[in-house]
Amino acid sequence: MAEHHEHAMAFAREDRWDDAHRIAQEHDDSLSCRIHGYLHRVEGDLSNARYWYGRAGVTFPEDGMEEELGRLEGLAREG
């Protein structure tokens, strides 16, 4: 389990965008890229979000932000 994923997601849940973003951009693994994409989606920067989801190797999510947050939290817990 990668602790940095869980920390980034906890910060995201607390609306601490800068803290979550700092963690996500420090790592280059697929889940970190996906979290990075989610954070840019929250920010409203959809082109940047699409870029990071693409780097993660996943398609841009069609569901809502809360669903994506829950999915990423689950992935972070699974490690």
PDB file of N, CA and C in Angstrom:
ATOM      1  N   MET A   1       0.836  -1.172   0.000  1.00  0.00           N
ATOM      2  CA  MET A   1       0.000   0.000   0.000  1.00  0.00           C
ATOM      3  C   MET A   1       0.889   1.246   0.000  1.00  0.00           C
ATOM      4  N   ALA A   2       0.593   2.166  -0.878  1.00  0.00           N
ATOM      5  CA  ALA A   2       1.371   3.402  -0.975  1.00  0.00           C
ATOM      6  C   ALA A   2       0.739   4.465  -0.084  1.00  0.00           C
ATOM      7  N   GLU A   3       1.454   4.824   0.932  1.00  0.00           N
ATOM      8  CA  GLU A   3       0.956   5.790   1.904  1.00  0.00           C
ATOM      9  C   GLU A   3       0.690   7.159   1.277  1.00  0.00           C
ATOM     10  N   HIS A   4       1.507   7.524   0.281  1.00  0.00           N
ATOM     11  CA  HIS A   4       1.306   8.841  -0.333  1.00  0.00           C
ATOM     12  C   HIS A   4      -0.042   8.947  -1.035  1.00  0.00           C
ATOM     13  N   HIS A   5      -0.546   7.833  -1.582  1.00  0.00           N
ATOM     14  CA  HIS A   5      -1.866   7.861  -2.214  1.00  0.00           C
ATOM     15  C   HIS A   5      -2.939   8.170  -1.174  1.00  0.00           C
ATOM     16  N   GLU A   6      -2.861   7.486  -0.061  1.00  0.00           N
ATOM     17  CA  GLU A   6      -3.853   7.707   0.990  1.00  0.00           C
ATOM     18  C   GLU A   6      -3.787   9.134   1.525  1.00  0.00           C
ATOM     19  N   HIS A   7      -2.589   9.653   1.689  1.00  0.00           N
ATOM     20  CA  HIS A   7      -2.453  11.037   2.170  1.00  0.00           C
ATOM     21  C   HIS A   7      -3.036  12.019   1.163  1.00  0.00           C
ATOM     22  N   ALA A   8      -2.736  11.827  -0.101  1.00  0.00           N
ATOM     23  CA  ALA A   8      -3.273  12.727  -1.127  1.00  0.00           C
ATOM     24  C   ALA A   8      -4.799  12.695  -1.135  1.00  0.00           C
ATOM     25  N   MET A   9      -5.374  11.495  -0.996  1.00  0.00           N
ATOM     26  CA  MET A   9      -6.828  11.379  -1.022  1.00  0.00           C
ATOM     27  C   MET A   9      -7.450  11.978   0.238  1.00  0.00           C
ATOM     28  N   ALA A  10      -6.795  11.833   1.372  1.00  0.00           N
ATOM     29  CA  ALA A  10      -7.309  12.456   2.603  1.00  0.00           C
ATOM     30  C   ALA A  10      -7.321  13.976   2.455  1.00  0.00           C
ATOM     31  N   PHE A  11      -6.261  14.528   1.895  1.00  0.00           N
ATOM     32  CA  PHE A  11      -6.225  15.970   1.657  1.00  0.00           C
ATOM     33  C   PHE A  11      -7.309  16.387   0.659  1.00  0.00           C
ATOM     34  N   ALA A  12      -7.510  15.584  -0.380  1.00  0.00           N
ATOM     35  CA  ALA A  12      -8.552  15.898  -1.362  1.00  0.00           C
ATOM     36  C   ALA A  12      -9.928  15.909  -0.697  1.00  0.00           C
ATOM     37  N   ARG A  13     -10.185  14.939   0.171  1.00  0.00           N
ATOM     38  CA  ARG A  13     -11.468  14.862   0.873  1.00  0.00           C
ATOM     39  C   ARG A  13     -11.672  16.088   1.764  1.00  0.00           C
ATOM     40  N   GLU A  14     -10.581  16.626   2.300  1.00  0.00           N
ATOM     41  CA  GLU A  14     -10.644  17.794   3.184  1.00  0.00           C
ATOM     42  C   GLU A  14     -10.585  19.120   2.414  1.00  0.00           C
ATOM     43  N   ASP A  15     -10.663  19.037   1.085  1.00  0.00           N
ATOM     44  CA  ASP A  15     -10.572  20.232   0.223  1.00  0.00           C
ATOM     45  C   ASP A  15      -9.251  20.972   0.396  1.00  0.00           C
ATOM     46  N   ARG A  16      -8.203  20.219   0.664  1.00  0.00           N
ATOM     47  CA  ARG A  16      -6.851  20.800   0.765  1.00  0.00           C
ATOM     48  C   ARG A  16      -6.137  20.515  -0.563  1.00  0.00           C
ATOM     49  N   TRP A  17      -6.601  21.204  -1.608  1.00  0.00           N
ATOM     50  CA  TRP A  17      -6.155  20.958  -2.970  1.00  0.00           C
ATOM     51  C   TRP A  17      -4.640  21.080  -3.111  1.00  0.00           C
ATOM     52  N   ASP A  18      -4.066  22.136  -2.584  1.00  0.00           N
ATOM     53  CA  ASP A  18      -2.624  22.357  -2.742  1.00  0.00           C
ATOM     54  C   ASP A  18      -1.812  21.226  -2.118  1.00  0.00           C
ATOM     55  N   ASP A  19      -2.214  20.769  -0.940  1.00  0.00           N
ATOM     56  CA  ASP A  19      -1.494  19.675  -0.284  1.00  0.00           C
ATOM     57  C   ASP A  19      -1.621  18.378  -1.079  1.00  0.00           C
ATOM     58  N   ALA A  20      -2.834  18.085  -1.536  1.00  0.00           N
ATOM     59  CA  ALA A  20      -3.056  16.873  -2.331  1.00  0.00           C
ATOM     60  C   ALA A  20      -2.276  16.945  -3.644  1.00  0.00           C
ATOM     61  N   HIS A  21      -2.288  18.107  -4.272  1.00  0.00           N
ATOM     62  CA  HIS A  21      -1.604  18.292  -5.548  1.00  0.00           C
ATOM     63  C   HIS A  21      -0.090  18.136  -5.393  1.00  0.00           C
ATOM     64  N   ARG A  22       0.451  18.690  -4.321  1.00  0.00           N
ATOM     65  CA  ARG A  22       1.891  18.577  -4.068  1.00  0.00           C
ATOM     66  C   ARG A  22       2.300  17.090  -3.992  1.00  0.00           C
ATOM     67  N   ILE A  23       1.522  16.297  -3.294  1.00  0.00           N
ATOM     68  CA  ILE A  23       1.833  14.868  -3.178  1.00  0.00           C
ATOM     69  C   ILE A  23       1.704  14.184  -4.530  1.00  0.00           C
ATOM     70  N   ALA A  24       0.620  14.439  -5.227  1.00  0.00           N
ATOM     71  CA  ALA A  24       0.380  13.763  -6.512  1.00  0.00           C
ATOM     72  C   ALA A  24       1.476  14.083  -7.519  1.00  0.00           C
ATOM     73  N   GLN A  25       1.935  15.313  -7.557  1.00  0.00           N
ATOM     74  CA  GLN A  25       2.926  15.677  -8.566  1.00  0.00           C
ATOM     75  C   GLN A  25       4.326  15.198  -8.209  1.00  0.00           C
ATOM     76  N   GLU A  26       4.531  14.747  -6.973  1.00  0.00           N
ATOM     77  CA  GLU A  26       5.839  14.216  -6.571  1.00  0.00           C
ATOM     78  C   GLU A  26       6.046  12.772  -7.031  1.00  0.00           C
ATOM     79  N   HIS A  27       4.978  12.125  -7.514  1.00  0.00           N
ATOM     80  CA  HIS A  27       5.055  10.706  -7.880  1.00  0.00           C
ATOM     81  C   HIS A  27       4.572  10.517  -9.309  1.00  0.00           C
ATOM     82  N   ASP A  28       5.096   9.483  -9.962  1.00  0.00           N
ATOM     83  CA  ASP A  28       4.806   9.278 -11.381  1.00  0.00           C
ATOM     84  C   ASP A  28       4.107   7.950 -11.668  1.00  0.00           C
ATOM     85  N   ASP A  29       3.673   7.243 -10.624  1.00  0.00           N
ATOM     86  CA  ASP A  29       2.984   5.969 -10.845  1.00  0.00           C
ATOM     87  C   ASP A  29       1.559   6.230 -11.355  1.00  0.00           C
ATOM     88  N   SER A  30       0.935   5.191 -11.849  1.00  0.00           N
ATOM     89  CA  SER A  30      -0.374   5.334 -12.485  1.00  0.00           C
ATOM     90  C   SER A  30      -1.431   5.934 -11.564  1.00  0.00           C
ATOM     91  N   LEU A  31      -1.505   5.462 -10.323  1.00  0.00           N
ATOM     92  CA  LEU A  31      -2.532   5.990  -9.424  1.00  0.00           C
ATOM     93  C   LEU A  31      -2.257   7.441  -9.068  1.00  0.00           C
ATOM     94  N   SER A  32      -1.010   7.813  -8.883  1.00  0.00           N
ATOM     95  CA  SER A  32      -0.687   9.223  -8.617  1.00  0.00           C
ATOM     96  C   SER A  32      -1.098  10.093  -9.792  1.00  0.00           C
ATOM     97  N   CYS A  33      -0.875   9.617 -11.013  1.00  0.00           N
ATOM     98  CA  CYS A  33      -1.297  10.374 -12.199  1.00  0.00           C
ATOM     99  C   CYS A  33      -2.810  10.507 -12.242  1.00  0.00           C
ATOM    100  N   ARG A  34      -3.497   9.439 -11.863  1.00  0.00           N
ATOM    101  CA  ARG A  34      -4.956   9.469 -11.848  1.00  0.00           C
ATOM    102  C   ARG A  34      -5.472  10.445 -10.785  1.00  0.00           C
ATOM    103  N   ILE A  35      -4.860  10.427  -9.611  1.00  0.00           N
ATOM    104  CA  ILE A  35      -5.219  11.375  -8.560  1.00  0.00           C
ATOM    105  C   ILE A  35      -4.940  12.797  -9.040  1.00  0.00           C
ATOM    106  N   HIS A  36      -3.816  12.979  -9.702  1.00  0.00           N
ATOM    107  CA  HIS A  36      -3.450  14.281 -10.249  1.00  0.00           C
ATOM    108  C   HIS A  36      -4.536  14.756 -11.222  1.00  0.00           C
ATOM    109  N   GLY A  37      -4.995  13.859 -12.074  1.00  0.00           N
ATOM    110  CA  GLY A  37      -6.071  14.187 -12.996  1.00  0.00           C
ATOM    111  C   GLY A  37      -7.340  14.595 -12.279  1.00  0.00           C
ATOM    112  N   TYR A  38      -7.695  13.833 -11.255  1.00  0.00           N
ATOM    113  CA  TYR A  38      -8.880  14.157 -10.469  1.00  0.00           C
ATOM    114  C   TYR A  38      -8.769  15.565  -9.874  1.00  0.00           C
ATOM    115  N   LEU A  39      -7.609  15.870  -9.340  1.00  0.00           N
ATOM    116  CA  LEU A  39      -7.424  17.183  -8.708  1.00  0.00           C
ATOM    117  C   LEU A  39      -7.580  18.317  -9.714  1.00  0.00           C
ATOM    118  N   HIS A  40      -7.083  18.124 -10.924  1.00  0.00           N
ATOM    119  CA  HIS A  40      -7.264  19.162 -11.943  1.00  0.00           C
ATOM    120  C   HIS A  40      -8.719  19.224 -12.395  1.00  0.00           C
ATOM    121  N   ARG A  41      -9.403  18.100 -12.328  1.00  0.00           N
ATOM    122  CA  ARG A  41     -10.830  18.100 -12.623  1.00  0.00           C
ATOM    123  C   ARG A  41     -11.570  18.926 -11.575  1.00  0.00           C
ATOM    124  N   VAL A  42     -11.212  18.761 -10.304  1.00  0.00           N
ATOM    125  CA  VAL A  42     -11.804  19.551  -9.223  1.00  0.00           C
ATOM    126  C   VAL A  42     -11.551  21.036  -9.464  1.00  0.00           C
ATOM    127  N   GLU A  43     -10.353  21.342  -9.897  1.00  0.00           N
ATOM    128  CA  GLU A  43      -9.950  22.725 -10.141  1.00  0.00           C
ATOM    129  C   GLU A  43     -10.694  23.328 -11.332  1.00  0.00           C
ATOM    130  N   GLY A  44     -11.217  22.472 -12.193  1.00  0.00           N
ATOM    131  CA  GLY A  44     -11.905  22.952 -13.389  1.00  0.00           C
ATOM    132  C   GLY A  44     -11.016  23.019 -14.613  1.00  0.00           C
ATOM    133  N   ASP A  45      -9.789  22.549 -14.499  1.00  0.00           N
ATOM    134  CA  ASP A  45      -8.833  22.532 -15.609  1.00  0.00           C
ATOM    135  C   ASP A  45      -8.951  21.179 -16.324  1.00  0.00           C
ATOM    136  N   LEU A  46      -9.977  21.056 -17.159  1.00  0.00           N
ATOM    137  CA  LEU A  46     -10.299  19.760 -17.759  1.00  0.00           C
ATOM    138  C   LEU A  46      -9.274  19.283 -18.769  1.00  0.00           C
ATOM    139  N   SER A  47      -8.636  20.174 -19.489  1.00  0.00           N
ATOM    140  CA  SER A  47      -7.621  19.723 -20.445  1.00  0.00           C
ATOM    141  C   SER A  47      -6.431  19.128 -19.702  1.00  0.00           C
ATOM    142  N   ASN A  48      -6.031  19.743 -18.619  1.00  0.00           N
ATOM    143  CA  ASN A  48      -4.946  19.209 -17.802  1.00  0.00           C
ATOM    144  C   ASN A  48      -5.381  17.893 -17.149  1.00  0.00           C
ATOM    145  N   ALA A  49      -6.616  17.833 -16.687  1.00  0.00           N
ATOM    146  CA  ALA A  49      -7.139  16.601 -16.093  1.00  0.00           C
ATOM    147  C   ALA A  49      -7.090  15.464 -17.115  1.00  0.00           C
ATOM    148  N   ARG A  50      -7.526  15.721 -18.342  1.00  0.00           N
ATOM    149  CA  ARG A  50      -7.496  14.691 -19.400  1.00  0.00           C
ATOM    150  C   ARG A  50      -6.066  14.204 -19.646  1.00  0.00           C
ATOM    151  N   TYR A  51      -5.122  15.129 -19.635  1.00  0.00           N
ATOM    152  CA  TYR A  51      -3.722  14.769 -19.812  1.00  0.00           C
ATOM    153  C   TYR A  51      -3.292  13.770 -18.742  1.00  0.00           C
ATOM    154  N   TRP A  52      -3.598  14.062 -17.467  1.00  0.00           N
ATOM    155  CA  TRP A  52      -3.141  13.197 -16.378  1.00  0.00           C
ATOM    156  C   TRP A  52      -3.872  11.860 -16.360  1.00  0.00           C
ATOM    157  N   TYR A  53      -5.152  11.850 -16.690  1.00  0.00           N
ATOM    158  CA  TYR A  53      -5.854  10.570 -16.806  1.00  0.00           C
ATOM    159  C   TYR A  53      -5.229   9.742 -17.936  1.00  0.00           C
ATOM    160  N   GLY A  54      -4.877  10.397 -19.028  1.00  0.00           N
ATOM    161  CA  GLY A  54      -4.211   9.707 -20.129  1.00  0.00           C
ATOM    162  C   GLY A  54      -2.877   9.130 -19.713  1.00  0.00           C
ATOM    163  N   ARG A  55      -2.097   9.883 -18.937  1.00  0.00           N
ATOM    164  CA  ARG A  55      -0.814   9.368 -18.430  1.00  0.00           C
ATOM    165  C   ARG A  55      -1.027   8.171 -17.522  1.00  0.00           C
ATOM    166  N   ALA A  56      -2.172   8.147 -16.842  1.00  0.00           N
ATOM    167  CA  ALA A  56      -2.491   7.017 -15.964  1.00  0.00           C
ATOM    168  C   ALA A  56      -2.959   5.810 -16.759  1.00  0.00           C
ATOM    169  N   GLY A  57      -3.278   6.020 -18.038  1.00  0.00           N
ATOM    170  CA  GLY A  57      -3.740   4.919 -18.879  1.00  0.00           C
ATOM    171  C   GLY A  57      -5.212   4.595 -18.717  1.00  0.00           C
ATOM    172  N   VAL A  58      -5.988   5.584 -18.248  1.00  0.00           N
ATOM    173  CA  VAL A  58      -7.430   5.386 -18.086  1.00  0.00           C
ATOM    174  C   VAL A  58      -8.165   6.489 -18.833  1.00  0.00           C
ATOM    175  N   THR A  59      -9.406   6.209 -19.177  1.00  0.00           N
ATOM    176  CA  THR A  59     -10.211   7.213 -19.855  1.00  0.00           C
ATOM    177  C   THR A  59     -10.741   8.222 -18.842  1.00  0.00           C
ATOM    178  N   PHE A  60     -11.031   9.398 -19.326  1.00  0.00           N
ATOM    179  CA  PHE A  60     -11.592  10.449 -18.488  1.00  0.00           C
ATOM    180  C   PHE A  60     -12.929   9.956 -17.932  1.00  0.00           C
ATOM    181  N   PRO A  61     -13.133  10.045 -16.622  1.00  0.00           N
ATOM    182  CA  PRO A  61     -14.361   9.509 -16.032  1.00  0.00           C
ATOM    183  C   PRO A  61     -15.601  10.278 -16.468  1.00  0.00           C
ATOM    184  N   GLU A  62     -16.663   9.530 -16.649  1.00  0.00           N
ATOM    185  CA  GLU A  62     -17.947  10.117 -17.053  1.00  0.00           C
ATOM    186  C   GLU A  62     -18.843  10.395 -15.855  1.00  0.00           C
ATOM    187  N   ASP A  63     -18.523   9.791 -14.713  1.00  0.00           N
ATOM    188  CA  ASP A  63     -19.386   9.965 -13.550  1.00  0.00           C
ATOM    189  C   ASP A  63     -19.015  11.221 -12.772  1.00  0.00           C
ATOM    190  N   GLY A  64     -19.714  11.445 -11.686  1.00  0.00           N
ATOM    191  CA  GLY A  64     -19.529  12.656 -10.908  1.00  0.00           C
ATOM    192  C   GLY A  64     -18.258  12.652 -10.076  1.00  0.00           C
ATOM    193  N   MET A  65     -17.992  13.803  -9.521  1.00  0.00           N
ATOM    194  CA  MET A  65     -16.778  13.994  -8.737  1.00  0.00           C
ATOM    195  C   MET A  65     -16.774  13.127  -7.480  1.00  0.00           C
ATOM    196  N   GLU A  66     -17.910  13.033  -6.802  1.00  0.00           N
ATOM    197  CA  GLU A  66     -17.978  12.245  -5.575  1.00  0.00           C
ATOM    198  C   GLU A  66     -17.735  10.765  -5.860  1.00  0.00           C
ATOM    199  N   GLU A  67     -18.277  10.280  -6.970  1.00  0.00           N
ATOM    200  CA  GLU A  67     -18.052   8.878  -7.352  1.00  0.00           C
ATOM    201  C   GLU A  67     -16.578   8.626  -7.652  1.00  0.00           C
ATOM    202  N   GLU A  68     -15.963   9.554  -8.359  1.00  0.00           N
ATOM    203  CA  GLU A  68     -14.549   9.399  -8.686  1.00  0.00           C
ATOM    204  C   GLU A  68     -13.688   9.488  -7.427  1.00  0.00           C
ATOM    205  N   LEU A  69     -14.034  10.385  -6.532  1.00  0.00           N
ATOM    206  CA  LEU A  69     -13.298  10.491  -5.280  1.00  0.00           C
ATOM    207  C   LEU A  69     -13.378   9.170  -4.509  1.00  0.00           C
ATOM    208  N   GLY A  70     -14.561   8.588  -4.406  1.00  0.00           N
ATOM    209  CA  GLY A  70     -14.724   7.309  -3.715  1.00  0.00           C
ATOM    210  C   GLY A  70     -13.944   6.192  -4.384  1.00  0.00           C
ATOM    211  N   ARG A  71     -13.961   6.163  -5.708  1.00  0.00           N
ATOM    212  CA  ARG A  71     -13.215   5.137  -6.441  1.00  0.00           C
ATOM    213  C   ARG A  71     -11.715   5.264  -6.179  1.00  0.00           C
ATOM    214  N   LEU A  72     -11.204   6.486  -6.231  1.00  0.00           N
ATOM    215  CA  LEU A  72      -9.777   6.706  -5.995  1.00  0.00           C
ATOM    216  C   LEU A  72      -9.399   6.392  -4.556  1.00  0.00           C
ATOM    217  N   GLU A  73     -10.271   6.719  -3.616  1.00  0.00           N
ATOM    218  CA  GLU A  73     -10.002   6.377  -2.227  1.00  0.00           C
ATOM    219  C   GLU A  73      -9.908   4.864  -2.058  1.00  0.00           C
ATOM    220  N   GLY A  74     -10.799   4.132  -2.732  1.00  0.00           N
ATOM    221  CA  GLY A  74     -10.756   2.676  -2.685  1.00  0.00           C
ATOM    222  C   GLY A  74      -9.466   2.126  -3.282  1.00  0.00           C
ATOM    223  N   LEU A  75      -9.062   2.665  -4.402  1.00  0.00           N
ATOM    224  CA  LEU A  75      -7.810   2.242  -5.029  1.00  0.00           C
ATOM    225  C   LEU A  75      -6.613   2.554  -4.143  1.00  0.00           C
ATOM    226  N   ALA A  76      -6.648   3.705  -3.487  1.00  0.00           N
ATOM    227  CA  ALA A  76      -5.549   4.078  -2.585  1.00  0.00           C
ATOM    228  C   ALA A  76      -5.470   3.106  -1.406  1.00  0.00           C
ATOM    229  N   ARG A  77      -6.617   2.700  -0.880  1.00  0.00           N
ATOM    230  CA  ARG A  77      -6.632   1.749   0.240  1.00  0.00           C
ATOM    231  C   ARG A  77      -6.110   0.377  -0.194  1.00  0.00           C
ATOM    232  N   GLU A  78      -6.474  -0.032  -1.422  1.00  0.00           N
ATOM    233  CA  GLU A  78      -6.035  -1.335  -1.934  1.00  0.00           C
ATOM    234  C   GLU A  78      -4.538  -1.372  -2.157  1.00  0.00           C
ATOM    235  N   GLY A  79      -3.989  -0.206  -2.475  1.00  0.00           N
ATOM    236  CA  GLY A  79      -2.559  -0.092  -2.694  1.00  0.00           C
ATOM    237  C   GLY A  79      -2.144  -0.720  -3.956  1.00  0.00           C
TER     238      GLY A  79
END
